[in-house]
């Protein structure tokens, strides 16, 4: 899938961008969130590189003056780090993906769809 030599080493730039988009409203966040996934999984963009993340924001139709001000100041980094701390403390998150649904034990890692179906079936009973 990945044909470039620069596979992202972290996702913090993308996480910050999504939170900066959220400051422009829920619709902006949804567009940016989806566009970041598409950029990485479908287009092979390095979402660990701020320049490539900024281009995703442009294509998502964000107010770029506001976005760049928030993004370049790192205004959302403390929020992201706090959410990470909470995920580790509350749910024991140590890997991505980790899916938490209700009180069931988390589903960790890339698992078959049947794992989700079994969990949801148990929860819906």
C-alpha atoms as a PDB file:
ATOM      1  CA  UNK A   1       0.000   0.000   0.000  1.00  0.00           C
ATOM      2  CA  UNK A   2       2.681   2.515   0.958  1.00  0.00           C
ATOM      3  CA  UNK A   3       4.972   3.300  -1.968  1.00  0.00           C
ATOM      4  CA  UNK A   4       6.867   6.260  -0.512  1.00  0.00           C
ATOM      5  CA  UNK A   5      10.060   5.993   1.536  1.00  0.00           C
ATOM      6  CA  UNK A   6       8.671   8.269   4.289  1.00  0.00           C
ATOM      7  CA  UNK A   7       6.015   6.273   6.148  1.00  0.00           C
ATOM      8  CA  UNK A   8       4.571   8.473   8.933  1.00  0.00           C
ATOM      9  CA  UNK A   9       6.297   7.907  12.259  1.00  0.00           C
ATOM     10  CA  UNK A  10       3.505   9.538  14.235  1.00  0.00           C
ATOM     11  CA  UNK A  11       0.066  11.034  13.790  1.00  0.00           C
ATOM     12  CA  UNK A  12       0.310  14.094  16.044  1.00  0.00           C
ATOM     13  CA  UNK A  13       0.281  16.591  13.131  1.00  0.00           C
ATOM     14  CA  UNK A  14      -2.929  15.030  11.799  1.00  0.00           C
ATOM     15  CA  UNK A  15      -4.516  14.848  15.255  1.00  0.00           C
ATOM     16  CA  UNK A  16      -3.747  18.511  15.855  1.00  0.00           C
ATOM     17  CA  UNK A  17      -5.156  19.437  12.461  1.00  0.00           C
ATOM     18  CA  UNK A  18      -8.419  17.621  13.161  1.00  0.00           C
ATOM     19  CA  UNK A  19      -8.802  19.428  16.488  1.00  0.00           C
ATOM     20  CA  UNK A  20      -8.012  22.783  14.825  1.00  0.00           C
ATOM     21  CA  UNK A  21     -10.679  22.031  12.220  1.00  0.00           C
ATOM     22  CA  UNK A  22     -13.122  21.246  15.035  1.00  0.00           C
ATOM     23  CA  UNK A  23     -12.721  24.834  16.244  1.00  0.00           C
ATOM     24  CA  UNK A  24     -14.504  25.790  13.002  1.00  0.00           C
ATOM     25  CA  UNK A  25     -17.492  23.599  13.843  1.00  0.00           C
ATOM     26  CA  UNK A  26     -18.593  19.971  13.729  1.00  0.00           C
ATOM     27  CA  UNK A  27     -19.007  19.913   9.952  1.00  0.00           C
ATOM     28  CA  UNK A  28     -15.459  21.195   9.443  1.00  0.00           C
ATOM     29  CA  UNK A  29     -14.178  18.534  11.831  1.00  0.00           C
ATOM     30  CA  UNK A  30     -16.063  15.752  10.027  1.00  0.00           C
ATOM     31  CA  UNK A  31     -14.718  16.866   6.631  1.00  0.00           C
ATOM     32  CA  UNK A  32     -11.151  17.140   7.916  1.00  0.00           C
ATOM     33  CA  UNK A  33     -11.322  13.870   9.829  1.00  0.00           C
ATOM     34  CA  UNK A  34     -12.550  11.944   6.793  1.00  0.00           C
ATOM     35  CA  UNK A  35     -10.153  13.733   4.437  1.00  0.00           C
ATOM     36  CA  UNK A  36      -7.177  12.844   6.662  1.00  0.00           C
ATOM     37  CA  UNK A  37      -8.153   9.164   6.528  1.00  0.00           C
ATOM     38  CA  UNK A  38      -8.554   9.352   2.751  1.00  0.00           C
ATOM     39  CA  UNK A  39      -5.252  11.171   2.389  1.00  0.00           C
ATOM     40  CA  UNK A  40      -3.385   8.466   4.288  1.00  0.00           C
ATOM     41  CA  UNK A  41      -5.196   5.279   3.290  1.00  0.00           C
ATOM     42  CA  UNK A  42      -6.245   6.114  -0.273  1.00  0.00           C
ATOM     43  CA  UNK A  43      -3.791   8.726  -1.505  1.00  0.00           C
ATOM     44  CA  UNK A  44      -0.620   7.766   0.369  1.00  0.00           C
ATOM     45  CA  UNK A  45      -0.100  11.170   1.989  1.00  0.00           C
ATOM     46  CA  UNK A  46       2.273  11.398   4.920  1.00  0.00           C
ATOM     47  CA  UNK A  47      -0.037  12.718   7.649  1.00  0.00           C
ATOM     48  CA  UNK A  48       2.978  13.014   9.923  1.00  0.00           C
ATOM     49  CA  UNK A  49       4.247  15.905   7.795  1.00  0.00           C
ATOM     50  CA  UNK A  50       2.647  19.278   8.603  1.00  0.00           C
ATOM     51  CA  UNK A  51       2.926  20.535   5.009  1.00  0.00           C
ATOM     52  CA  UNK A  52       0.917  17.592   3.722  1.00  0.00           C
ATOM     53  CA  UNK A  53      -1.635  17.967   6.512  1.00  0.00           C
ATOM     54  CA  UNK A  54      -2.053  21.650   5.654  1.00  0.00           C
ATOM     55  CA  UNK A  55      -2.806  20.672   2.069  1.00  0.00           C
ATOM     56  CA  UNK A  56      -5.518  18.291   3.307  1.00  0.00           C
ATOM     57  CA  UNK A  57      -6.999  21.195   5.294  1.00  0.00           C
ATOM     58  CA  UNK A  58      -7.005  23.361   2.160  1.00  0.00           C
ATOM     59  CA  UNK A  59      -8.805  20.666   0.197  1.00  0.00           C
ATOM     60  CA  UNK A  60     -11.305  20.227   3.065  1.00  0.00           C
ATOM     61  CA  UNK A  61     -12.383  23.837   2.536  1.00  0.00           C
ATOM     62  CA  UNK A  62     -11.392  25.113   5.971  1.00  0.00           C
ATOM     63  CA  UNK A  63     -10.983  28.799   6.771  1.00  0.00           C
ATOM     64  CA  UNK A  64      -7.241  28.664   6.227  1.00  0.00           C
ATOM     65  CA  UNK A  65      -6.402  31.869   8.106  1.00  0.00           C
ATOM     66  CA  UNK A  66      -8.010  30.527  11.268  1.00  0.00           C
ATOM     67  CA  UNK A  67      -6.735  27.020  10.706  1.00  0.00           C
ATOM     68  CA  UNK A  68      -3.127  28.071  10.158  1.00  0.00           C
ATOM     69  CA  UNK A  69      -3.172  30.404  13.159  1.00  0.00           C
ATOM     70  CA  UNK A  70      -4.413  27.613  15.430  1.00  0.00           C
ATOM     71  CA  UNK A  71      -2.283  24.891  13.845  1.00  0.00           C
ATOM     72  CA  UNK A  72       0.990  26.783  13.770  1.00  0.00           C
ATOM     73  CA  UNK A  73       0.555  27.949  17.382  1.00  0.00           C
ATOM     74  CA  UNK A  74      -0.016  24.367  18.518  1.00  0.00           C
ATOM     75  CA  UNK A  75      -3.163  25.505  20.303  1.00  0.00           C
ATOM     76  CA  UNK A  76      -4.718  22.029  20.358  1.00  0.00           C
ATOM     77  CA  UNK A  77      -1.679  19.975  21.400  1.00  0.00           C
ATOM     78  CA  UNK A  78      -2.426  20.179  25.154  1.00  0.00           C
ATOM     79  CA  UNK A  79      -5.961  18.961  24.468  1.00  0.00           C
ATOM     80  CA  UNK A  80      -4.714  16.006  22.435  1.00  0.00           C
ATOM     81  CA  UNK A  81      -2.152  15.043  25.045  1.00  0.00           C
ATOM     82  CA  UNK A  82      -4.792  15.234  27.784  1.00  0.00           C
ATOM     83  CA  UNK A  83      -7.181  13.039  25.784  1.00  0.00           C
ATOM     84  CA  UNK A  84      -4.354  10.548  25.311  1.00  0.00           C
ATOM     85  CA  UNK A  85      -3.613  10.566  29.035  1.00  0.00           C
ATOM     86  CA  UNK A  86      -7.291   9.954  29.783  1.00  0.00           C
ATOM     87  CA  UNK A  87      -7.504   7.096  27.262  1.00  0.00           C
ATOM     88  CA  UNK A  88      -4.528   5.381  28.879  1.00  0.00           C
ATOM     89  CA  UNK A  89      -5.773   5.965  32.434  1.00  0.00           C
ATOM     90  CA  UNK A  90      -9.444   5.175  31.884  1.00  0.00           C
ATOM     91  CA  UNK A  91      -9.337   2.462  29.231  1.00  0.00           C
ATOM     92  CA  UNK A  92      -5.757   1.188  29.308  1.00  0.00           C
ATOM     93  CA  UNK A  93      -5.211   2.172  25.681  1.00  0.00           C
ATOM     94  CA  UNK A  94      -1.726   1.151  24.598  1.00  0.00           C
ATOM     95  CA  UNK A  95      -2.174   0.494  20.877  1.00  0.00           C
ATOM     96  CA  UNK A  96      -3.936   1.852  17.835  1.00  0.00           C
ATOM     97  CA  UNK A  97      -6.552   0.992  16.986  1.00  0.00           C
ATOM     98  CA  UNK A  98      -8.257   0.401  20.311  1.00  0.00           C
ATOM     99  CA  UNK A  99     -12.054   0.369  20.200  1.00  0.00           C
ATOM    100  CA  UNK A 100     -14.010   0.803  23.420  1.00  0.00           C
ATOM    101  CA  UNK A 101     -17.726   0.012  23.325  1.00  0.00           C
ATOM    102  CA  UNK A 102     -19.644   0.251  26.565  1.00  0.00           C
ATOM    103  CA  UNK A 103     -18.282  -1.744  29.485  1.00  0.00           C
ATOM    104  CA  UNK A 104     -16.873  -4.545  27.312  1.00  0.00           C
ATOM    105  CA  UNK A 105     -13.121  -5.119  27.232  1.00  0.00           C
ATOM    106  CA  UNK A 106     -11.483  -3.038  24.488  1.00  0.00           C
ATOM    107  CA  UNK A 107     -10.837  -4.507  21.069  1.00  0.00           C
ATOM    108  CA  UNK A 108      -7.153  -3.941  20.335  1.00  0.00           C
ATOM    109  CA  UNK A 109      -5.449  -4.031  16.971  1.00  0.00           C
ATOM    110  CA  UNK A 110      -6.661  -4.867  13.503  1.00  0.00           C
ATOM    111  CA  UNK A 111      -9.201  -7.612  14.075  1.00  0.00           C
ATOM    112  CA  UNK A 112     -11.677  -9.350  11.775  1.00  0.00           C
ATOM    113  CA  UNK A 113     -15.096  -7.772  11.383  1.00  0.00           C
ATOM    114  CA  UNK A 114     -16.563 -10.776  13.192  1.00  0.00           C
ATOM    115  CA  UNK A 115     -14.952  -9.577  16.452  1.00  0.00           C
ATOM    116  CA  UNK A 116     -16.986  -6.372  16.284  1.00  0.00           C
ATOM    117  CA  UNK A 117     -20.119  -8.250  15.293  1.00  0.00           C
ATOM    118  CA  UNK A 118     -19.770 -10.631  18.262  1.00  0.00           C
ATOM    119  CA  UNK A 119     -19.242  -7.770  20.689  1.00  0.00           C
ATOM    120  CA  UNK A 120     -22.174  -5.754  19.353  1.00  0.00           C
ATOM    121  CA  UNK A 121     -24.396  -8.819  19.371  1.00  0.00           C
ATOM    122  CA  UNK A 122     -23.580  -9.426  23.064  1.00  0.00           C
ATOM    123  CA  UNK A 123     -24.173  -5.779  23.942  1.00  0.00           C
ATOM    124  CA  UNK A 124     -27.510  -5.608  22.140  1.00  0.00           C
ATOM    125  CA  UNK A 125     -28.985  -8.606  23.968  1.00  0.00           C
END
